[in-house]
Amino acid sequence: MTAPIFKFRNIKVRLSGTGQTFIYGVNTLAAGQENQTLALGVLPSEVSSVILTVQVSNLTASTVQVSAYVQNSTSTTVFSAASARTLVQNYPLISANSFDPLSGNLAFSANDQLWIQTSVAASCDVVVSLLEIANATAS
């Protein structure tokens, strides 16, 4: 399958635990993560993504700490603190509020991934708006 020229997407994930959670990646389709990876037949080398917003919402009655990371990996199940880069660490997200760990757009290329972590299990929802763009090919 050829990648569509432009494809807007919204990724919605509830953080169930306190470990780093895979949110989205420019990775080949992964079983159980169909909404968080590329479409069937689309290769990571064919697409770049522009992350427009990352909305993290606190669902609890208390403040939680939120961290966000970017890493480059072909695995969507293993987080590597050694190779990841931090967008924000232990941001205090107060009760019934939300924030965006980006201060602008973020460009992703092949195998770049977004991971989010919270200090309290089942405390946050994450909604990511992004645009996947087919990479130009030389003829």
N, C-alpha and C. Protein backbone atom coordinates (compact mmCIF):
# COMPACT_ATOMS: atom_id res chain seq x y z
N MET A 1 0.84 -1.18 0.00
CA MET A 1 0.00 0.00 0.00
C MET A 1 0.88 1.24 0.00
N THR A 2 0.52 2.20 -0.80
CA THR A 2 1.23 3.48 -0.82
C THR A 2 0.64 4.38 0.24
N ALA A 3 1.51 5.10 0.92
CA ALA A 3 1.05 6.01 1.98
C ALA A 3 0.22 7.13 1.37
N PRO A 4 -0.89 7.51 2.01
CA PRO A 4 -1.66 8.67 1.54
C PRO A 4 -0.79 9.92 1.62
N ILE A 5 -1.03 10.89 0.74
CA ILE A 5 -0.22 12.11 0.74
C ILE A 5 -0.37 12.83 2.07
N PHE A 6 -1.60 13.02 2.54
CA PHE A 6 -1.86 13.64 3.83
C PHE A 6 -2.90 12.81 4.58
N LYS A 7 -2.66 12.60 5.85
CA LYS A 7 -3.62 11.87 6.67
C LYS A 7 -3.63 12.46 8.08
N PHE A 8 -4.73 13.16 8.42
CA PHE A 8 -4.89 13.68 9.77
C PHE A 8 -5.36 12.54 10.67
N ARG A 9 -4.84 12.51 11.90
CA ARG A 9 -5.23 11.46 12.85
C ARG A 9 -5.35 12.02 14.25
N ASN A 10 -6.21 11.40 15.04
CA ASN A 10 -6.30 11.65 16.48
C ASN A 10 -6.04 10.31 17.17
N ILE A 11 -5.11 10.32 18.10
CA ILE A 11 -4.77 9.14 18.87
C ILE A 11 -5.30 9.37 20.29
N LYS A 12 -6.04 8.41 20.82
CA LYS A 12 -6.62 8.55 22.16
C LYS A 12 -6.20 7.37 23.02
N VAL A 13 -5.52 7.66 24.15
CA VAL A 13 -5.02 6.61 25.03
C VAL A 13 -5.29 6.99 26.48
N ARG A 14 -5.83 6.06 27.26
CA ARG A 14 -5.94 6.25 28.71
C ARG A 14 -4.72 5.56 29.34
N LEU A 15 -3.99 6.31 30.15
CA LEU A 15 -2.81 5.76 30.81
C LEU A 15 -3.26 4.86 31.95
N SER A 16 -3.03 3.55 31.82
CA SER A 16 -3.55 2.60 32.81
C SER A 16 -2.59 2.34 33.96
N GLY A 17 -1.30 2.52 33.72
CA GLY A 17 -0.31 2.25 34.76
C GLY A 17 0.53 3.47 35.05
N THR A 18 1.64 3.25 35.76
CA THR A 18 2.54 4.36 36.09
C THR A 18 3.85 4.29 35.31
N GLY A 19 4.02 3.27 34.50
CA GLY A 19 5.22 3.17 33.67
C GLY A 19 5.07 3.98 32.40
N GLN A 20 6.15 4.10 31.64
CA GLN A 20 6.09 4.80 30.36
C GLN A 20 5.15 4.04 29.43
N THR A 21 4.24 4.78 28.78
CA THR A 21 3.23 4.19 27.90
C THR A 21 3.45 4.67 26.48
N PHE A 22 3.51 3.72 25.54
CA PHE A 22 3.63 4.06 24.13
C PHE A 22 2.34 4.73 23.67
N ILE A 23 2.46 5.93 23.09
CA ILE A 23 1.29 6.67 22.63
C ILE A 23 1.18 6.61 21.11
N TYR A 24 2.27 6.93 20.40
CA TYR A 24 2.25 6.95 18.94
C TYR A 24 3.67 6.80 18.43
N GLY A 25 3.79 6.15 17.28
CA GLY A 25 5.09 6.05 16.63
C GLY A 25 4.96 5.90 15.13
N VAL A 26 5.95 6.40 14.43
CA VAL A 26 6.04 6.21 12.98
C VAL A 26 6.69 4.83 12.79
N ASN A 27 5.90 3.81 13.11
CA ASN A 27 6.34 2.42 13.10
C ASN A 27 5.38 1.58 12.26
N THR A 28 5.88 0.45 11.78
CA THR A 28 5.01 -0.46 11.04
C THR A 28 3.87 -0.91 11.95
N LEU A 29 2.77 -1.28 11.35
CA LEU A 29 1.57 -1.70 12.07
C LEU A 29 1.93 -2.75 13.12
N ALA A 30 1.50 -2.51 14.36
CA ALA A 30 1.77 -3.44 15.46
C ALA A 30 0.44 -3.97 16.00
N ALA A 31 0.35 -5.27 16.18
CA ALA A 31 -0.87 -5.89 16.69
C ALA A 31 -1.22 -5.30 18.05
N GLY A 32 -2.47 -4.92 18.23
CA GLY A 32 -2.94 -4.33 19.46
C GLY A 32 -2.67 -2.83 19.55
N GLN A 33 -1.92 -2.30 18.59
CA GLN A 33 -1.61 -0.87 18.57
C GLN A 33 -1.93 -0.27 17.20
N GLU A 34 -2.99 -0.77 16.60
CA GLU A 34 -3.36 -0.34 15.25
C GLU A 34 -3.63 1.16 15.16
N ASN A 35 -4.18 1.75 16.21
CA ASN A 35 -4.48 3.19 16.20
C ASN A 35 -3.25 4.03 16.53
N GLN A 36 -2.17 3.40 16.96
CA GLN A 36 -0.99 4.13 17.43
C GLN A 36 0.21 3.98 16.49
N THR A 37 0.07 3.18 15.44
CA THR A 37 1.15 2.96 14.49
C THR A 37 0.62 3.21 13.08
N LEU A 38 1.45 3.02 12.09
CA LEU A 38 1.06 3.29 10.71
C LEU A 38 0.06 2.25 10.19
N ALA A 39 -0.64 2.63 9.14
CA ALA A 39 -1.62 1.74 8.52
C ALA A 39 -0.93 0.52 7.90
N LEU A 40 -1.69 -0.54 7.72
CA LEU A 40 -1.19 -1.76 7.11
C LEU A 40 -0.56 -1.46 5.76
N GLY A 41 0.68 -1.93 5.56
CA GLY A 41 1.37 -1.77 4.30
C GLY A 41 2.15 -0.48 4.15
N VAL A 42 2.01 0.45 5.09
CA VAL A 42 2.76 1.71 5.03
C VAL A 42 4.05 1.52 5.82
N LEU A 43 5.18 1.82 5.19
CA LEU A 43 6.47 1.65 5.83
C LEU A 43 6.91 2.95 6.51
N PRO A 44 7.65 2.86 7.61
CA PRO A 44 8.13 4.06 8.29
C PRO A 44 8.96 4.98 7.39
N SER A 45 9.66 4.42 6.44
CA SER A 45 10.47 5.24 5.52
C SER A 45 9.62 6.04 4.54
N GLU A 46 8.34 5.71 4.41
CA GLU A 46 7.45 6.38 3.46
C GLU A 46 6.74 7.59 4.05
N VAL A 47 6.81 7.78 5.39
CA VAL A 47 5.97 8.77 6.05
C VAL A 47 6.78 9.60 7.05
N SER A 48 6.43 10.87 7.14
CA SER A 48 6.85 11.73 8.25
C SER A 48 5.57 12.20 8.93
N SER A 49 5.66 12.50 10.22
CA SER A 49 4.49 12.97 10.96
C SER A 49 4.80 14.31 11.61
N VAL A 50 3.79 15.15 11.65
CA VAL A 50 3.88 16.39 12.40
C VAL A 50 2.91 16.26 13.56
N ILE A 51 3.44 16.25 14.77
CA ILE A 51 2.60 16.19 15.97
C ILE A 51 2.13 17.62 16.22
N LEU A 52 0.83 17.82 16.15
CA LEU A 52 0.26 19.16 16.28
C LEU A 52 0.00 19.52 17.74
N THR A 53 -0.65 18.62 18.47
CA THR A 53 -0.91 18.83 19.90
C THR A 53 -0.84 17.50 20.63
N VAL A 54 -0.50 17.58 21.91
CA VAL A 54 -0.54 16.43 22.81
C VAL A 54 -1.27 16.91 24.06
N GLN A 55 -2.52 16.53 24.19
CA GLN A 55 -3.33 16.98 25.32
C GLN A 55 -3.33 15.88 26.39
N VAL A 56 -2.82 16.19 27.58
CA VAL A 56 -2.82 15.26 28.70
C VAL A 56 -3.79 15.81 29.73
N SER A 57 -4.83 15.04 30.06
CA SER A 57 -5.89 15.49 30.98
C SER A 57 -5.86 14.67 32.26
N ASN A 58 -5.89 15.37 33.39
CA ASN A 58 -5.92 14.73 34.70
C ASN A 58 -7.37 14.41 35.08
N LEU A 59 -7.67 13.14 35.28
CA LEU A 59 -9.03 12.69 35.59
C LEU A 59 -9.29 12.57 37.08
N THR A 60 -8.29 12.86 37.90
CA THR A 60 -8.41 12.61 39.34
C THR A 60 -8.72 13.89 40.12
N ALA A 61 -8.89 13.72 41.43
CA ALA A 61 -9.15 14.85 42.33
C ALA A 61 -7.86 15.33 42.99
N SER A 62 -6.71 14.87 42.51
CA SER A 62 -5.43 15.30 43.09
C SER A 62 -4.42 15.58 41.98
N THR A 63 -3.33 16.23 42.35
CA THR A 63 -2.26 16.54 41.40
C THR A 63 -1.49 15.27 41.07
N VAL A 64 -1.15 15.10 39.78
CA VAL A 64 -0.31 13.98 39.34
C VAL A 64 0.90 14.55 38.62
N GLN A 65 1.97 13.78 38.60
CA GLN A 65 3.20 14.17 37.90
C GLN A 65 3.19 13.50 36.52
N VAL A 66 3.44 14.29 35.48
CA VAL A 66 3.43 13.76 34.12
C VAL A 66 4.78 14.00 33.46
N SER A 67 5.27 12.97 32.76
CA SER A 67 6.51 13.07 31.99
C SER A 67 6.22 12.63 30.56
N ALA A 68 6.92 13.24 29.61
CA ALA A 68 6.75 12.89 28.20
C ALA A 68 8.13 12.74 27.56
N TYR A 69 8.25 11.73 26.71
CA TYR A 69 9.53 11.39 26.11
C TYR A 69 9.38 11.11 24.61
N VAL A 70 10.49 11.29 23.89
CA VAL A 70 10.59 10.90 22.48
C VAL A 70 11.75 9.93 22.38
N GLN A 71 11.52 8.82 21.69
CA GLN A 71 12.63 7.89 21.41
C GLN A 71 12.51 7.39 19.99
N ASN A 72 13.60 6.85 19.47
CA ASN A 72 13.60 6.26 18.14
C ASN A 72 13.89 4.78 18.30
N SER A 73 12.90 3.96 17.91
CA SER A 73 13.04 2.52 18.08
C SER A 73 12.06 1.79 17.17
N THR A 74 12.40 0.59 16.78
CA THR A 74 11.48 -0.23 16.01
C THR A 74 10.53 -0.99 16.93
N SER A 75 10.85 -1.07 18.23
CA SER A 75 9.98 -1.75 19.20
C SER A 75 9.00 -0.75 19.80
N THR A 76 7.71 -1.12 19.79
CA THR A 76 6.69 -0.27 20.41
C THR A 76 6.31 -0.77 21.80
N THR A 77 7.05 -1.74 22.31
CA THR A 77 6.74 -2.31 23.62
C THR A 77 7.85 -2.08 24.64
N VAL A 78 9.01 -1.60 24.21
CA VAL A 78 10.14 -1.42 25.11
C VAL A 78 10.57 0.05 25.12
N PHE A 79 10.53 0.66 26.31
CA PHE A 79 11.00 2.03 26.48
C PHE A 79 12.44 1.99 26.95
N SER A 80 13.31 2.79 26.34
CA SER A 80 14.72 2.84 26.72
C SER A 80 15.05 4.22 27.25
N ALA A 81 15.19 4.34 28.55
CA ALA A 81 15.53 5.63 29.16
C ALA A 81 16.87 6.14 28.67
N ALA A 82 17.77 5.23 28.32
CA ALA A 82 19.11 5.63 27.87
C ALA A 82 19.07 6.34 26.52
N SER A 83 18.15 5.95 25.64
CA SER A 83 18.11 6.55 24.31
C SER A 83 17.00 7.58 24.14
N ALA A 84 16.06 7.62 25.07
CA ALA A 84 14.93 8.57 24.96
C ALA A 84 15.38 9.98 25.32
N ARG A 85 14.65 10.95 24.80
CA ARG A 85 14.88 12.36 25.13
C ARG A 85 13.63 12.90 25.80
N THR A 86 13.80 13.72 26.81
CA THR A 86 12.69 14.20 27.64
C THR A 86 12.10 15.48 27.08
N LEU A 87 10.76 15.50 26.93
CA LEU A 87 10.04 16.72 26.59
C LEU A 87 9.68 17.48 27.85
N VAL A 88 9.22 16.77 28.87
CA VAL A 88 8.89 17.34 30.18
C VAL A 88 9.03 16.22 31.20
N GLN A 89 9.48 16.58 32.41
CA GLN A 89 9.64 15.55 33.44
C GLN A 89 8.97 16.00 34.73
N ASN A 90 8.10 15.12 35.23
CA ASN A 90 7.40 15.34 36.51
C ASN A 90 6.67 16.68 36.55
N TYR A 91 5.96 16.99 35.48
CA TYR A 91 5.15 18.21 35.44
C TYR A 91 3.95 18.02 36.37
N PRO A 92 3.73 18.95 37.32
CA PRO A 92 2.59 18.81 38.23
C PRO A 92 1.28 19.22 37.55
N LEU A 93 0.50 18.24 37.19
CA LEU A 93 -0.78 18.49 36.52
C LEU A 93 -1.88 18.45 37.58
N ILE A 94 -2.46 19.61 37.86
CA ILE A 94 -3.43 19.70 38.94
C ILE A 94 -4.75 19.04 38.56
N SER A 95 -5.54 18.75 39.56
CA SER A 95 -6.82 18.05 39.42
C SER A 95 -7.71 18.68 38.35
N ALA A 96 -8.34 17.83 37.55
CA ALA A 96 -9.34 18.23 36.55
C ALA A 96 -8.82 19.29 35.57
N ASN A 97 -7.53 19.24 35.24
CA ASN A 97 -6.93 20.16 34.27
C ASN A 97 -6.17 19.37 33.22
N SER A 98 -5.69 20.09 32.22
CA SER A 98 -4.91 19.46 31.17
C SER A 98 -3.76 20.37 30.76
N PHE A 99 -2.80 19.79 30.04
CA PHE A 99 -1.70 20.58 29.49
C PHE A 99 -1.15 19.88 28.26
N ASP A 100 -0.38 20.63 27.47
CA ASP A 100 0.28 20.12 26.27
C ASP A 100 1.78 20.20 26.51
N PRO A 101 2.50 19.07 26.55
CA PRO A 101 3.93 19.11 26.81
C PRO A 101 4.75 19.70 25.66
N LEU A 102 4.10 20.02 24.55
CA LEU A 102 4.80 20.66 23.43
C LEU A 102 4.59 22.17 23.51
N SER A 103 5.58 22.92 23.07
CA SER A 103 5.39 24.37 22.98
C SER A 103 5.17 24.77 21.52
N GLY A 104 5.05 23.78 20.66
CA GLY A 104 4.82 23.99 19.23
C GLY A 104 4.65 22.63 18.58
N ASN A 105 4.86 22.56 17.29
CA ASN A 105 4.75 21.28 16.58
C ASN A 105 6.04 20.48 16.74
N LEU A 106 5.93 19.18 16.51
CA LEU A 106 7.07 18.29 16.62
C LEU A 106 7.09 17.39 15.39
N ALA A 107 8.22 17.34 14.69
CA ALA A 107 8.34 16.52 13.48
C ALA A 107 8.90 15.15 13.85
N PHE A 108 8.25 14.11 13.36
CA PHE A 108 8.68 12.73 13.56
C PHE A 108 9.04 12.12 12.22
N SER A 109 10.12 11.34 12.21
CA SER A 109 10.49 10.57 11.02
C SER A 109 10.48 9.08 11.40
N ALA A 110 11.02 8.24 10.54
CA ALA A 110 10.93 6.79 10.71
C ALA A 110 11.32 6.35 12.11
N ASN A 111 10.41 5.61 12.76
CA ASN A 111 10.59 4.97 14.07
C ASN A 111 10.67 5.93 15.25
N ASP A 112 10.38 7.22 15.04
CA ASP A 112 10.26 8.14 16.18
C ASP A 112 8.97 7.84 16.92
N GLN A 113 9.01 7.95 18.25
CA GLN A 113 7.88 7.56 19.09
C GLN A 113 7.66 8.56 20.22
N LEU A 114 6.40 8.67 20.65
CA LEU A 114 6.01 9.47 21.80
C LEU A 114 5.58 8.53 22.92
N TRP A 115 6.13 8.73 24.12
CA TRP A 115 5.80 7.95 25.31
C TRP A 115 5.42 8.93 26.42
N ILE A 116 4.40 8.58 27.21
CA ILE A 116 3.95 9.42 28.32
C ILE A 116 3.91 8.57 29.59
N GLN A 117 4.22 9.20 30.72
CA GLN A 117 4.20 8.52 32.01
C GLN A 117 3.49 9.41 33.03
N THR A 118 2.75 8.81 33.94
CA THR A 118 2.11 9.54 35.02
C THR A 118 2.40 8.86 36.35
N SER A 119 2.33 9.61 37.42
CA SER A 119 2.68 9.08 38.74
C SER A 119 1.55 8.28 39.39
N VAL A 120 0.35 8.35 38.83
CA VAL A 120 -0.80 7.65 39.40
C VAL A 120 -1.50 6.85 38.29
N ALA A 121 -1.72 5.57 38.52
CA ALA A 121 -2.35 4.71 37.51
C ALA A 121 -3.77 5.18 37.21
N ALA A 122 -4.18 5.04 35.97
CA ALA A 122 -5.53 5.37 35.50
C ALA A 122 -5.93 6.80 35.83
N SER A 123 -4.97 7.72 35.79
CA SER A 123 -5.25 9.11 36.18
C SER A 123 -5.36 10.07 35.00
N CYS A 124 -4.88 9.68 33.83
CA CYS A 124 -4.81 10.64 32.72
C CYS A 124 -5.26 10.04 31.40
N ASP A 125 -5.89 10.89 30.59
CA ASP A 125 -6.16 10.59 29.19
C ASP A 125 -5.19 11.40 28.35
N VAL A 126 -4.76 10.83 27.23
CA VAL A 126 -3.88 11.52 26.30
C VAL A 126 -4.56 11.52 24.93
N VAL A 127 -4.65 12.70 24.32
CA VAL A 127 -5.17 12.83 22.97
C VAL A 127 -4.12 13.56 22.14
N VAL A 128 -3.72 12.93 21.05
CA VAL A 128 -2.70 13.49 20.16
C VAL A 128 -3.33 13.76 18.81
N SER A 129 -3.15 14.97 18.31
CA SER A 129 -3.57 15.31 16.94
C SER A 129 -2.32 15.41 16.10
N LEU A 130 -2.34 14.77 14.94
CA LEU A 130 -1.15 14.74 14.10
C LEU A 130 -1.51 14.67 12.63
N LEU A 131 -0.52 14.94 11.82
CA LEU A 131 -0.66 14.85 10.37
C LEU A 131 0.46 13.96 9.84
N GLU A 132 0.09 12.85 9.21
CA GLU A 132 1.07 11.99 8.54
C GLU A 132 1.17 12.45 7.09
N ILE A 133 2.40 12.59 6.62
CA ILE A 133 2.66 13.13 5.29
C ILE A 133 3.56 12.14 4.54
N ALA A 134 3.17 11.77 3.34
CA ALA A 134 3.97 10.87 2.53
C ALA A 134 5.26 11.59 2.13
N ASN A 135 6.40 10.91 2.31
CA ASN A 135 7.67 11.48 1.92
C ASN A 135 7.79 11.49 0.39
N ALA A 136 8.38 12.54 -0.13
CA ALA A 136 8.59 12.64 -1.58
C ALA A 136 9.64 11.60 -1.99
N THR A 137 9.47 11.03 -3.16
CA THR A 137 10.45 10.08 -3.68
C THR A 137 11.09 10.66 -4.93
N ALA A 138 12.36 10.41 -5.10
CA ALA A 138 13.08 10.89 -6.28
C ALA A 138 12.73 10.01 -7.47
N SER A 139 12.56 10.65 -8.62
CA SER A 139 12.29 9.83 -9.82
C SER A 139 13.40 9.89 -10.80
